[in-house]
Amino acid sequence: MTTPGYTQEELNNLKNAAALLERYKFIQIFGDIAGALQKVINVIEINLGIAGDDKYDIVFPERLPHIKGSEFLAVIIRAIKEEKVLRIYYQPFYEDKPYFAEIHPYLLKEYRNRWYVLGLHDFKNELRTYSLDRIRDVQTSDIAYKKKAFDANEYFRKSIGVISPPGEPPRITIAVQKTQAQYLITQPWHESQNIEEENGNNIVFSYRIHPTYEFISLLLSYGKDLKVISPSSLRQTMRSELETMLGYYSS
């Protein structure tokens, strides 16, 4: 029995490829490919068991939307590899008009189904991050490329998302209702996450991480099931956010 478009031999070849990639899972890109390939294998194997029965779907994998700006990936990757400066025409969400910026690209990063390019702003001589879905046009520039000893793992080690503030991050502790805490236990937010204690109906977690917009958004997404314990500055930020939200629903 085979599933439409696949033979058992092709499925076996996919399994062999996944097994080979598994040996190199300590290399991030290979691990990601192996994971994606395993998803394909899982769906094929399930379909092999129900081939010929098209009355209903029993597998409904997550469908990713079209990622706007992905048409610029090729030129940006080429510029990084060939060490070329990019001249981008950029339209931020918070500004009325787009502007030109010349950047020395170092890294492409994906976060929540959006692609970002991180590079050195030529005029301001600062690392900046640009979302590809806000780029209107991109071309290579004749400006001399500035090499930089950039370590992506180290740069993003103390943050979540696409922005990494300078300096050492604070120690953050949060208390999460036990049922909801299981989501954090099975899928940690950050490598620094630790369980500090169980306290009544809560589990207390700690982090060494910058309280970026993305991290605060995660905290807010848990609503009444999460409380920030420390530091006091983050507690005040959360209070301000919640007071603003409460104002939306005041009579």
Protein backbone atom coordinates (compact mmCIF):
# COMPACT_ATOMS: atom_id res chain seq x y z
CA MET A 1 0.00 0.00 0.00
CA THR A 2 1.30 3.48 -0.85
CA THR A 3 0.08 6.97 -0.30
CA PRO A 4 -0.62 9.07 -3.44
CA GLY A 5 2.63 10.50 -4.80
CA TYR A 6 4.89 8.36 -2.60
CA THR A 7 6.16 4.80 -2.68
CA GLN A 8 7.40 2.75 0.24
CA GLU A 9 10.91 3.01 -1.21
CA GLU A 10 10.68 6.82 -1.26
CA LEU A 11 9.48 6.78 2.33
CA ASN A 12 12.43 4.61 3.33
CA ASN A 13 14.79 7.03 1.59
CA LEU A 14 13.27 9.91 3.58
CA LYS A 15 13.78 7.96 6.80
CA ASN A 16 17.43 7.30 5.90
CA ALA A 17 17.95 11.01 5.20
CA ALA A 18 16.36 11.93 8.55
CA ALA A 19 18.58 9.41 10.36
CA LEU A 20 21.67 10.90 8.70
CA LEU A 21 20.69 14.44 9.65
CA GLU A 22 19.98 13.30 13.21
CA ARG A 23 23.69 12.59 13.64
CA TYR A 24 24.40 16.27 13.09
CA LYS A 25 21.55 17.68 15.20
CA PHE A 26 24.07 19.54 17.35
CA ILE A 27 24.53 21.81 14.32
CA GLN A 28 21.45 24.03 14.48
CA ILE A 29 20.59 24.18 10.79
CA PHE A 30 20.80 20.39 10.41
CA GLY A 31 18.67 19.90 13.49
CA ASP A 32 16.00 22.18 12.06
CA ILE A 33 16.03 20.32 8.74
CA ALA A 34 15.81 16.96 10.48
CA GLY A 35 12.82 18.15 12.48
CA ALA A 36 11.02 19.42 9.39
CA LEU A 37 11.77 16.19 7.52
CA GLN A 38 10.43 14.13 10.42
CA LYS A 39 7.13 16.01 10.20
CA VAL A 40 6.86 15.01 6.53
CA ILE A 41 7.61 11.39 7.39
CA ASN A 42 5.00 11.36 10.15
CA VAL A 43 2.27 12.61 7.81
CA ILE A 44 3.25 10.13 5.08
CA GLU A 45 3.24 7.20 7.49
CA ILE A 46 -0.20 8.16 8.77
CA ASN A 47 -1.49 8.45 5.22
CA LEU A 48 -0.01 5.06 4.38
CA GLY A 49 -2.29 3.62 7.02
CA ILE A 50 -5.43 5.25 5.61
CA ALA A 51 -4.65 5.33 1.86
CA GLY A 52 -7.82 5.13 -0.17
CA ASP A 53 -9.97 6.58 2.62
CA ASP A 54 -10.58 10.20 1.67
CA LYS A 55 -13.79 10.70 3.63
CA TYR A 56 -12.18 12.96 6.19
CA ASP A 57 -8.85 14.33 7.37
CA ILE A 58 -7.27 12.92 10.51
CA VAL A 59 -4.11 15.01 10.27
CA PHE A 60 -4.26 18.80 10.10
CA PRO A 61 -0.73 20.24 10.34
CA GLU A 62 -0.21 23.92 11.02
CA ARG A 63 -0.36 25.92 7.82
CA LEU A 64 2.03 28.84 7.68
CA PRO A 65 0.83 31.98 5.89
CA HIS A 66 2.78 33.50 3.03
CA ILE A 67 5.66 35.39 4.58
CA LYS A 68 5.73 38.86 3.10
CA GLY A 69 9.23 39.99 2.21
CA SER A 70 10.49 36.46 1.50
CA GLU A 71 11.16 37.59 -2.08
CA PHE A 72 14.16 39.51 -0.69
CA LEU A 73 15.76 36.48 0.99
CA ALA A 74 17.92 35.48 -1.98
CA VAL A 75 19.50 38.91 -2.51
CA ILE A 76 20.14 39.36 1.23
CA ILE A 77 21.71 35.92 1.60
CA ARG A 78 23.92 36.62 -1.41
CA ALA A 79 24.97 39.98 0.05
CA ILE A 80 25.93 38.37 3.38
CA LYS A 81 27.95 35.64 1.67
CA GLU A 82 29.65 38.03 -0.74
CA GLU A 83 30.07 40.78 1.89
CA LYS A 84 28.10 43.43 0.06
CA VAL A 85 26.37 46.47 1.53
CA LEU A 86 22.61 46.66 1.03
CA ARG A 87 20.60 49.80 0.30
CA ILE A 88 17.09 49.17 1.54
CA TYR A 89 13.94 51.23 1.12
CA TYR A 90 12.20 50.73 4.45
CA GLN A 91 8.71 51.54 5.73
CA PRO A 92 8.36 51.19 9.53
CA PHE A 93 4.88 50.66 10.93
CA TYR A 94 5.26 53.76 13.10
CA GLU A 95 6.26 56.21 10.33
CA ASP A 96 4.22 57.68 7.51
CA LYS A 97 6.89 57.54 4.82
CA PRO A 98 9.60 55.02 3.91
CA TYR A 99 13.27 55.95 4.00
CA PHE A 100 16.57 54.66 2.59
CA ALA A 101 19.16 52.99 4.80
CA GLU A 102 22.48 51.40 3.91
CA ILE A 103 23.40 48.43 6.05
CA HIS A 104 26.23 45.94 6.26
CA PRO A 105 24.22 42.70 6.63
CA TYR A 106 25.43 40.02 9.07
CA LEU A 107 22.49 37.77 9.79
CA LEU A 108 19.02 36.66 8.71
CA LYS A 109 16.79 35.62 11.59
CA GLU A 110 13.28 34.16 11.62
CA TYR A 111 10.93 34.85 14.52
CA ARG A 112 7.23 33.99 14.62
CA ASN A 113 6.92 33.54 10.86
CA ARG A 114 8.68 36.81 10.05
CA TRP A 115 12.17 37.25 8.61
CA TYR A 116 14.55 39.92 9.88
CA VAL A 117 17.94 41.08 8.67
CA LEU A 118 20.43 42.33 11.25
CA GLY A 119 23.29 44.53 10.17
CA LEU A 120 25.44 47.57 10.83
CA HIS A 121 23.82 50.87 9.89
CA ASP A 122 26.45 52.57 7.75
CA PHE A 123 25.82 56.17 8.87
CA LYS A 124 25.00 55.59 12.55
CA ASN A 125 27.53 52.79 12.97
CA GLU A 126 25.05 50.82 15.09
CA LEU A 127 23.59 47.32 14.83
CA ARG A 128 20.02 47.57 13.58
CA THR A 129 17.30 45.04 12.83
CA TYR A 130 14.92 45.34 9.89
CA SER A 131 11.84 43.25 9.18
CA LEU A 132 11.67 41.99 5.62
CA ASP A 133 7.92 42.51 5.45
CA ARG A 134 8.52 46.25 5.81
CA ILE A 135 11.19 46.45 3.08
CA ARG A 136 9.85 48.00 -0.13
CA ASP A 137 13.00 47.53 -2.20
CA VAL A 138 16.56 46.33 -1.73
CA GLN A 139 19.67 46.74 -3.87
CA THR A 140 23.38 46.22 -3.40
CA SER A 141 25.59 49.27 -2.83
CA ASP A 142 29.17 50.08 -3.84
CA ILE A 143 30.08 51.16 -0.29
CA ALA A 144 33.00 49.18 1.19
CA TYR A 145 31.72 46.38 3.43
CA LYS A 146 32.63 46.57 7.12
CA LYS A 147 33.41 43.15 8.54
CA LYS A 148 32.42 42.52 12.13
CA ALA A 149 33.14 39.65 14.50
CA PHE A 150 29.47 38.79 14.97
CA ASP A 151 28.40 35.72 16.97
CA ALA A 152 24.64 35.21 16.56
CA ASN A 153 24.36 32.71 19.40
CA GLU A 154 26.11 35.05 21.82
CA TYR A 155 24.18 38.10 20.59
CA PHE A 156 20.77 36.52 21.18
CA ARG A 157 21.73 34.44 24.24
CA LYS A 158 20.24 36.94 26.70
CA SER A 159 17.02 37.86 24.94
CA ILE A 160 13.88 36.57 23.22
CA GLY A 161 12.89 37.82 19.79
CA VAL A 162 14.94 39.94 17.40
CA ILE A 163 16.27 42.70 19.67
CA SER A 164 19.11 42.19 22.13
CA PRO A 165 19.88 45.19 24.39
CA PRO A 166 23.49 45.69 25.53
CA GLY A 167 24.72 44.88 29.00
CA GLU A 168 23.91 42.17 31.48
CA PRO A 169 20.24 41.22 31.85
CA PRO A 170 18.44 41.25 35.22
CA ARG A 171 17.32 38.16 37.09
CA ILE A 172 13.57 37.85 36.53
CA THR A 173 11.28 35.67 38.63
CA ILE A 174 7.66 34.89 37.86
CA ALA A 175 4.97 32.80 39.57
CA VAL A 176 2.73 30.78 37.24
CA GLN A 177 -0.42 28.86 38.16
CA LYS A 178 0.52 25.16 38.21
CA THR A 179 -1.71 24.00 35.36
CA GLN A 180 -0.45 26.75 33.04
CA ALA A 181 3.11 26.24 34.26
CA GLN A 182 3.16 22.85 32.51
CA TYR A 183 3.33 24.69 29.17
CA LEU A 184 6.55 26.39 30.28
CA ILE A 185 7.98 23.17 31.66
CA THR A 186 7.39 21.23 28.44
CA GLN A 187 8.42 24.12 26.18
CA PRO A 188 10.76 26.56 28.00
CA TRP A 189 10.78 30.16 26.88
CA HIS A 190 14.55 30.56 27.20
CA GLU A 191 17.65 28.51 27.94
CA SER A 192 18.12 30.32 31.27
CA GLN A 193 14.73 29.19 32.56
CA ASN A 194 14.88 27.44 35.94
CA ILE A 195 12.27 26.20 38.37
CA GLU A 196 12.94 27.84 41.72
CA GLU A 197 10.13 26.45 43.88
CA GLU A 198 6.53 25.35 44.16
CA ASN A 199 4.50 27.74 46.26
CA GLY A 200 0.86 26.88 46.97
CA ASN A 201 -0.88 26.77 43.59
CA ASN A 202 2.07 28.30 41.75
CA ILE A 203 5.43 27.31 40.32
CA VAL A 204 8.13 29.97 40.46
CA PHE A 205 10.46 30.31 37.44
CA SER A 206 13.60 32.41 37.09
CA TYR A 207 15.32 33.84 34.01
CA ARG A 208 18.45 35.78 33.13
CA ILE A 209 17.02 37.73 30.26
CA HIS A 210 16.40 41.25 29.01
CA PRO A 211 12.74 42.29 29.43
CA THR A 212 12.24 43.06 25.74
CA TYR A 213 8.89 43.78 24.13
CA GLU A 214 8.66 40.16 23.01
CA PHE A 215 9.26 38.83 26.53
CA ILE A 216 6.74 41.23 28.07
CA SER A 217 4.21 40.10 25.45
CA LEU A 218 4.73 36.50 26.58
CA LEU A 219 4.15 37.50 30.19
CA LEU A 220 0.96 39.36 29.33
CA SER A 221 -0.34 36.42 27.28
CA TYR A 222 -0.76 34.40 30.48
CA GLY A 223 -3.14 36.95 31.97
CA LYS A 224 -4.21 36.31 35.56
CA ASP A 225 -2.29 32.99 35.67
CA LEU A 226 1.10 34.72 35.85
CA LYS A 227 2.58 37.23 38.28
CA VAL A 228 5.96 38.94 38.02
CA ILE A 229 7.79 38.74 41.34
CA SER A 230 10.97 40.62 40.49
CA PRO A 231 12.58 42.96 39.56
CA SER A 232 10.47 45.90 40.70
CA SER A 233 11.09 47.76 37.43
CA LEU A 234 9.44 44.96 35.46
CA ARG A 235 6.56 44.82 37.94
CA GLN A 236 5.98 48.53 37.31
CA THR A 237 6.09 47.99 33.55
CA MET A 238 3.51 45.22 33.84
CA ARG A 239 1.33 47.40 36.07
CA SER A 240 1.45 50.27 33.56
CA GLU A 241 0.54 47.94 30.69
CA LEU A 242 -2.38 46.45 32.61
CA GLU A 243 -3.66 49.86 33.74
CA THR A 244 -3.65 51.01 30.13
CA MET A 245 -5.53 47.85 29.08
CA LEU A 246 -8.03 48.30 31.90
CA GLY A 247 -8.66 51.83 30.67
CA TYR A 248 -9.88 50.44 27.36
CA TYR A 249 -12.75 48.71 29.17
CA SER A 250 -13.65 51.40 31.69
CA SER A 251 -17.06 52.98 31.45
